Amino acid sequence: MAKPSGLQVRNILAAVLMAAAFVWNLAIGGPWWVSAIVGVAFVLSIASAVLNRPGAN
């Protein structure tokens, strides 16, 4: 298995933080639109990590 690139590590870290923020916002009863923005950021971080994997063309 190839070693993850620095960009991949950053994107995975961002995705983990976005998931935590999403759960935290739901737990405190925050506004729905904040959860939507954080959810979109999570999906984009995961997609970027997948698309920037070593060997992806």
PDB file of N, CA and C in Angstrom:
ATOM      1  N   MET A   1       0.848  -1.184   0.000  1.00  0.00           N
ATOM      2  CA  MET A   1       0.000   0.000   0.000  1.00  0.00           C
ATOM      3  C   MET A   1       0.887   1.237   0.000  1.00  0.00           C
ATOM      4  N   ALA A   2       0.519   2.212  -0.805  1.00  0.00           N
ATOM      5  CA  ALA A   2       1.319   3.429  -0.942  1.00  0.00           C
ATOM      6  C   ALA A   2       1.173   4.327   0.283  1.00  0.00           C
ATOM      7  N   LYS A   3       2.241   5.038   0.569  1.00  0.00           N
ATOM      8  CA  LYS A   3       2.229   5.983   1.677  1.00  0.00           C
ATOM      9  C   LYS A   3       1.343   7.179   1.297  1.00  0.00           C
ATOM     10  N   PRO A   4       0.464   7.633   2.199  1.00  0.00           N
ATOM     11  CA  PRO A   4      -0.398   8.776   1.851  1.00  0.00           C
ATOM     12  C   PRO A   4       0.416  10.057   1.703  1.00  0.00           C
ATOM     13  N   SER A   5      -0.002  10.889   0.771  1.00  0.00           N
ATOM     14  CA  SER A   5       0.670  12.162   0.552  1.00  0.00           C
ATOM     15  C   SER A   5       0.298  13.142   1.665  1.00  0.00           C
ATOM     16  N   GLY A   6       1.053  14.220   1.753  1.00  0.00           N
ATOM     17  CA  GLY A   6       0.758  15.241   2.754  1.00  0.00           C
ATOM     18  C   GLY A   6      -0.623  15.844   2.566  1.00  0.00           C
ATOM     19  N   LEU A   7      -1.023  16.026   1.312  1.00  0.00           N
ATOM     20  CA  LEU A   7      -2.350  16.573   1.023  1.00  0.00           C
ATOM     21  C   LEU A   7      -3.442  15.619   1.478  1.00  0.00           C
ATOM     22  N   GLN A   8      -3.208  14.323   1.294  1.00  0.00           N
ATOM     23  CA  GLN A   8      -4.190  13.342   1.754  1.00  0.00           C
ATOM     24  C   GLN A   8      -4.327  13.364   3.271  1.00  0.00           C
ATOM     25  N   VAL A   9      -3.202  13.433   3.957  1.00  0.00           N
ATOM     26  CA  VAL A   9      -3.236  13.464   5.422  1.00  0.00           C
ATOM     27  C   VAL A   9      -3.992  14.692   5.894  1.00  0.00           C
ATOM     28  N   ARG A  10      -3.741  15.836   5.269  1.00  0.00           N
ATOM     29  CA  ARG A  10      -4.435  17.060   5.644  1.00  0.00           C
ATOM     30  C   ARG A  10      -5.937  16.931   5.403  1.00  0.00           C
ATOM     31  N   ASN A  11      -6.316  16.344   4.289  1.00  0.00           N
ATOM     32  CA  ASN A  11      -7.741  16.190   3.977  1.00  0.00           C
ATOM     33  C   ASN A  11      -8.424  15.217   4.928  1.00  0.00           C
ATOM     34  N   ILE A  12      -7.741  14.155   5.297  1.00  0.00           N
ATOM     35  CA  ILE A  12      -8.324  13.199   6.243  1.00  0.00           C
ATOM     36  C   ILE A  12      -8.478  13.841   7.614  1.00  0.00           C
ATOM     37  N   LEU A  13      -7.470  14.605   8.034  1.00  0.00           N
ATOM     38  CA  LEU A  13      -7.557  15.321   9.307  1.00  0.00           C
ATOM     39  C   LEU A  13      -8.721  16.322   9.289  1.00  0.00           C
ATOM     40  N   ALA A  14      -8.868  17.041   8.184  1.00  0.00           N
ATOM     41  CA  ALA A  14      -9.987  17.982   8.062  1.00  0.00           C
ATOM     42  C   ALA A  14     -11.323  17.255   8.127  1.00  0.00           C
ATOM     43  N   ALA A  15     -11.411  16.081   7.498  1.00  0.00           N
ATOM     44  CA  ALA A  15     -12.655  15.312   7.514  1.00  0.00           C
ATOM     45  C   ALA A  15     -13.002  14.849   8.926  1.00  0.00           C
ATOM     46  N   VAL A  16     -11.987  14.426   9.680  1.00  0.00           N
ATOM     47  CA  VAL A  16     -12.234  13.995  11.062  1.00  0.00           C
ATOM     48  C   VAL A  16     -12.730  15.170  11.899  1.00  0.00           C
ATOM     49  N   LEU A  17     -12.107  16.331  11.726  1.00  0.00           N
ATOM     50  CA  LEU A  17     -12.543  17.520  12.467  1.00  0.00           C
ATOM     51  C   LEU A  17     -13.955  17.951  12.064  1.00  0.00           C
ATOM     52  N   MET A  18     -14.281  17.849  10.783  1.00  0.00           N
ATOM     53  CA  MET A  18     -15.626  18.208  10.320  1.00  0.00           C
ATOM     54  C   MET A  18     -16.665  17.241  10.864  1.00  0.00           C
ATOM     55  N   ALA A  19     -16.323  15.960  10.943  1.00  0.00           N
ATOM     56  CA  ALA A  19     -17.255  14.979  11.514  1.00  0.00           C
ATOM     57  C   ALA A  19     -17.506  15.291  12.984  1.00  0.00           C
ATOM     58  N   ALA A  20     -16.449  15.641  13.715  1.00  0.00           N
ATOM     59  CA  ALA A  20     -16.609  15.993  15.128  1.00  0.00           C
ATOM     60  C   ALA A  20     -17.457  17.254  15.283  1.00  0.00           C
ATOM     61  N   ALA A  21     -17.224  18.241  14.429  1.00  0.00           N
ATOM     62  CA  ALA A  21     -18.012  19.477  14.487  1.00  0.00           C
ATOM     63  C   ALA A  21     -19.477  19.214  14.153  1.00  0.00           C
ATOM     64  N   PHE A  22     -19.720  18.326  13.209  1.00  0.00           N
ATOM     65  CA  PHE A  22     -21.095  17.973  12.834  1.00  0.00           C
ATOM     66  C   PHE A  22     -21.830  17.345  14.013  1.00  0.00           C
ATOM     67  N   VAL A  23     -21.183  16.370  14.654  1.00  0.00           N
ATOM     68  CA  VAL A  23     -21.801  15.699  15.800  1.00  0.00           C
ATOM     69  C   VAL A  23     -21.995  16.690  16.942  1.00  0.00           C
ATOM     70  N   TRP A  24     -21.009  17.534  17.200  1.00  0.00           N
ATOM     71  CA  TRP A  24     -21.111  18.521  18.274  1.00  0.00           C
ATOM     72  C   TRP A  24     -22.267  19.485  18.013  1.00  0.00           C
ATOM     73  N   ASN A  25     -22.400  19.959  16.772  1.00  0.00           N
ATOM     74  CA  ASN A  25     -23.478  20.893  16.448  1.00  0.00           C
ATOM     75  C   ASN A  25     -24.852  20.237  16.621  1.00  0.00           C
ATOM     76  N   LEU A  26     -24.952  18.974  16.258  1.00  0.00           N
ATOM     77  CA  LEU A  26     -26.224  18.268  16.462  1.00  0.00           C
ATOM     78  C   LEU A  26     -26.504  18.071  17.946  1.00  0.00           C
ATOM     79  N   ALA A  27     -25.453  17.785  18.720  1.00  0.00           N
ATOM     80  CA  ALA A  27     -25.631  17.516  20.145  1.00  0.00           C
ATOM     81  C   ALA A  27     -26.085  18.743  20.914  1.00  0.00           C
ATOM     82  N   ILE A  28     -25.604  19.922  20.508  1.00  0.00           N
ATOM     83  CA  ILE A  28     -25.983  21.137  21.231  1.00  0.00           C
ATOM     84  C   ILE A  28     -27.244  21.777  20.667  1.00  0.00           C
ATOM     85  N   GLY A  29     -27.768  21.211  19.587  1.00  0.00           N
ATOM     86  CA  GLY A  29     -28.978  21.764  18.985  1.00  0.00           C
ATOM     87  C   GLY A  29     -28.713  23.027  18.201  1.00  0.00           C
ATOM     88  N   GLY A  30     -27.586  23.065  17.515  1.00  0.00           N
ATOM     89  CA  GLY A  30     -27.220  24.233  16.707  1.00  0.00           C
ATOM     90  C   GLY A  30     -28.109  24.379  15.481  1.00  0.00           C
ATOM     91  N   PRO A  31     -27.936  25.465  14.756  1.00  0.00           N
ATOM     92  CA  PRO A  31     -28.750  25.698  13.557  1.00  0.00           C
ATOM     93  C   PRO A  31     -28.510  24.624  12.486  1.00  0.00           C
ATOM     94  N   TRP A  32     -29.546  24.300  11.742  1.00  0.00           N
ATOM     95  CA  TRP A  32     -29.459  23.259  10.729  1.00  0.00           C
ATOM     96  C   TRP A  32     -28.483  23.630   9.628  1.00  0.00           C
ATOM     97  N   TRP A  33     -28.394  24.920   9.303  1.00  0.00           N
ATOM     98  CA  TRP A  33     -27.545  25.335   8.183  1.00  0.00           C
ATOM     99  C   TRP A  33     -26.058  25.169   8.514  1.00  0.00           C
ATOM    100  N   VAL A  34     -25.693  25.257   9.785  1.00  0.00           N
ATOM    101  CA  VAL A  34     -24.301  25.005  10.170  1.00  0.00           C
ATOM    102  C   VAL A  34     -23.982  23.526   9.953  1.00  0.00           C
ATOM    103  N   SER A  35     -24.903  22.664  10.320  1.00  0.00           N
ATOM    104  CA  SER A  35     -24.703  21.230  10.086  1.00  0.00           C
ATOM    105  C   SER A  35     -24.589  20.935   8.596  1.00  0.00           C
ATOM    106  N   ALA A  36     -25.378  21.622   7.785  1.00  0.00           N
ATOM    107  CA  ALA A  36     -25.315  21.418   6.334  1.00  0.00           C
ATOM    108  C   ALA A  36     -23.961  21.848   5.774  1.00  0.00           C
ATOM    109  N   ILE A  37     -23.460  22.990   6.197  1.00  0.00           N
ATOM    110  CA  ILE A  37     -22.163  23.481   5.715  1.00  0.00           C
ATOM    111  C   ILE A  37     -21.041  22.540   6.144  1.00  0.00           C
ATOM    112  N   VAL A  38     -21.072  22.117   7.398  1.00  0.00           N
ATOM    113  CA  VAL A  38     -20.031  21.221   7.908  1.00  0.00           C
ATOM    114  C   VAL A  38     -20.130  19.866   7.215  1.00  0.00           C
ATOM    115  N   GLY A  39     -21.329  19.395   6.946  1.00  0.00           N
ATOM    116  CA  GLY A  39     -21.506  18.136   6.222  1.00  0.00           C
ATOM    117  C   GLY A  39     -20.952  18.192   4.812  1.00  0.00           C
ATOM    118  N   VAL A  40     -21.174  19.291   4.126  1.00  0.00           N
ATOM    119  CA  VAL A  40     -20.623  19.462   2.777  1.00  0.00           C
ATOM    120  C   VAL A  40     -19.094  19.517   2.835  1.00  0.00           C
ATOM    121  N   ALA A  41     -18.551  20.211   3.821  1.00  0.00           N
ATOM    122  CA  ALA A  41     -17.096  20.279   3.981  1.00  0.00           C
ATOM    123  C   ALA A  41     -16.514  18.890   4.232  1.00  0.00           C
ATOM    124  N   PHE A  42     -17.212  18.073   5.009  1.00  0.00           N
ATOM    125  CA  PHE A  42     -16.785  16.700   5.267  1.00  0.00           C
ATOM    126  C   PHE A  42     -16.726  15.897   3.972  1.00  0.00           C
ATOM    127  N   VAL A  43     -17.777  15.966   3.193  1.00  0.00           N
ATOM    128  CA  VAL A  43     -17.838  15.216   1.932  1.00  0.00           C
ATOM    129  C   VAL A  43     -16.743  15.680   0.977  1.00  0.00           C
ATOM    130  N   LEU A  44     -16.514  16.979   0.886  1.00  0.00           N
ATOM    131  CA  LEU A  44     -15.474  17.494  -0.007  1.00  0.00           C
ATOM    132  C   LEU A  44     -14.077  17.083   0.450  1.00  0.00           C
ATOM    133  N   SER A  45     -13.852  17.034   1.754  1.00  0.00           N
ATOM    134  CA  SER A  45     -12.547  16.605   2.267  1.00  0.00           C
ATOM    135  C   SER A  45     -12.285  15.142   1.936  1.00  0.00           C
ATOM    136  N   ILE A  46     -13.288  14.310   2.113  1.00  0.00           N
ATOM    137  CA  ILE A  46     -13.138  12.884   1.786  1.00  0.00           C
ATOM    138  C   ILE A  46     -12.919  12.706   0.282  1.00  0.00           C
ATOM    139  N   ALA A  47     -13.686  13.419  -0.524  1.00  0.00           N
ATOM    140  CA  ALA A  47     -13.532  13.313  -1.979  1.00  0.00           C
ATOM    141  C   ALA A  47     -12.144  13.764  -2.412  1.00  0.00           C
ATOM    142  N   SER A  48     -11.643  14.823  -1.827  1.00  0.00           N
ATOM    143  CA  SER A  48     -10.309  15.313  -2.171  1.00  0.00           C
ATOM    144  C   SER A  48      -9.233  14.312  -1.767  1.00  0.00           C
ATOM    145  N   ALA A  49      -9.386  13.684  -0.617  1.00  0.00           N
ATOM    146  CA  ALA A  49      -8.417  12.674  -0.181  1.00  0.00           C
ATOM    147  C   ALA A  49      -8.408  11.489  -1.142  1.00  0.00           C
ATOM    148  N   VAL A  50      -9.568  11.086  -1.607  1.00  0.00           N
ATOM    149  CA  VAL A  50      -9.648   9.951  -2.536  1.00  0.00           C
ATOM    150  C   VAL A  50      -9.056  10.331  -3.891  1.00  0.00           C
ATOM    151  N   LEU A  51      -9.370  11.512  -4.379  1.00  0.00           N
ATOM    152  CA  LEU A  51      -8.894  11.920  -5.705  1.00  0.00           C
ATOM    153  C   LEU A  51      -7.396  12.231  -5.717  1.00  0.00           C
ATOM    154  N   ASN A  52      -6.819  12.561  -4.574  1.00  0.00           N
ATOM    155  CA  ASN A  52      -5.395  12.893  -4.514  1.00  0.00           C
ATOM    156  C   ASN A  52      -4.534  11.742  -4.016  1.00  0.00           C
ATOM    157  N   ARG A  53      -5.049  10.521  -4.062  1.00  0.00           N
ATOM    158  CA  ARG A  53      -4.251   9.379  -3.621  1.00  0.00           C
ATOM    159  C   ARG A  53      -3.135   9.125  -4.621  1.00  0.00           C
ATOM    160  N   PRO A  54      -2.015   8.595  -4.145  1.00  0.00           N
ATOM    161  CA  PRO A  54      -0.909   8.296  -5.053  1.00  0.00           C
ATOM    162  C   PRO A  54      -1.324   7.270  -6.112  1.00  0.00           C
ATOM    163  N   GLY A  55      -0.994   7.538  -7.329  1.00  0.00           N
ATOM    164  CA  GLY A  55      -1.316   6.628  -8.428  1.00  0.00           C
ATOM    165  C   GLY A  55      -2.661   6.871  -9.074  1.00  0.00           C
ATOM    166  N   ALA A  56      -3.438   7.821  -8.568  1.00  0.00           N
ATOM    167  CA  ALA A  56      -4.744   8.120  -9.182  1.00  0.00           C
ATOM    168  C   ALA A  56      -4.507   8.954 -10.436  1.00  0.00           C
ATOM    169  N   ASN A  57      -5.169   8.556 -11.502  1.00  0.00           N
ATOM    170  CA  ASN A  57      -5.015   9.301 -12.772  1.00  0.00           C
ATOM    171  C   ASN A  57      -6.280  10.001 -13.138  1.00  0.00           C
TER     172      ASN A  57
END
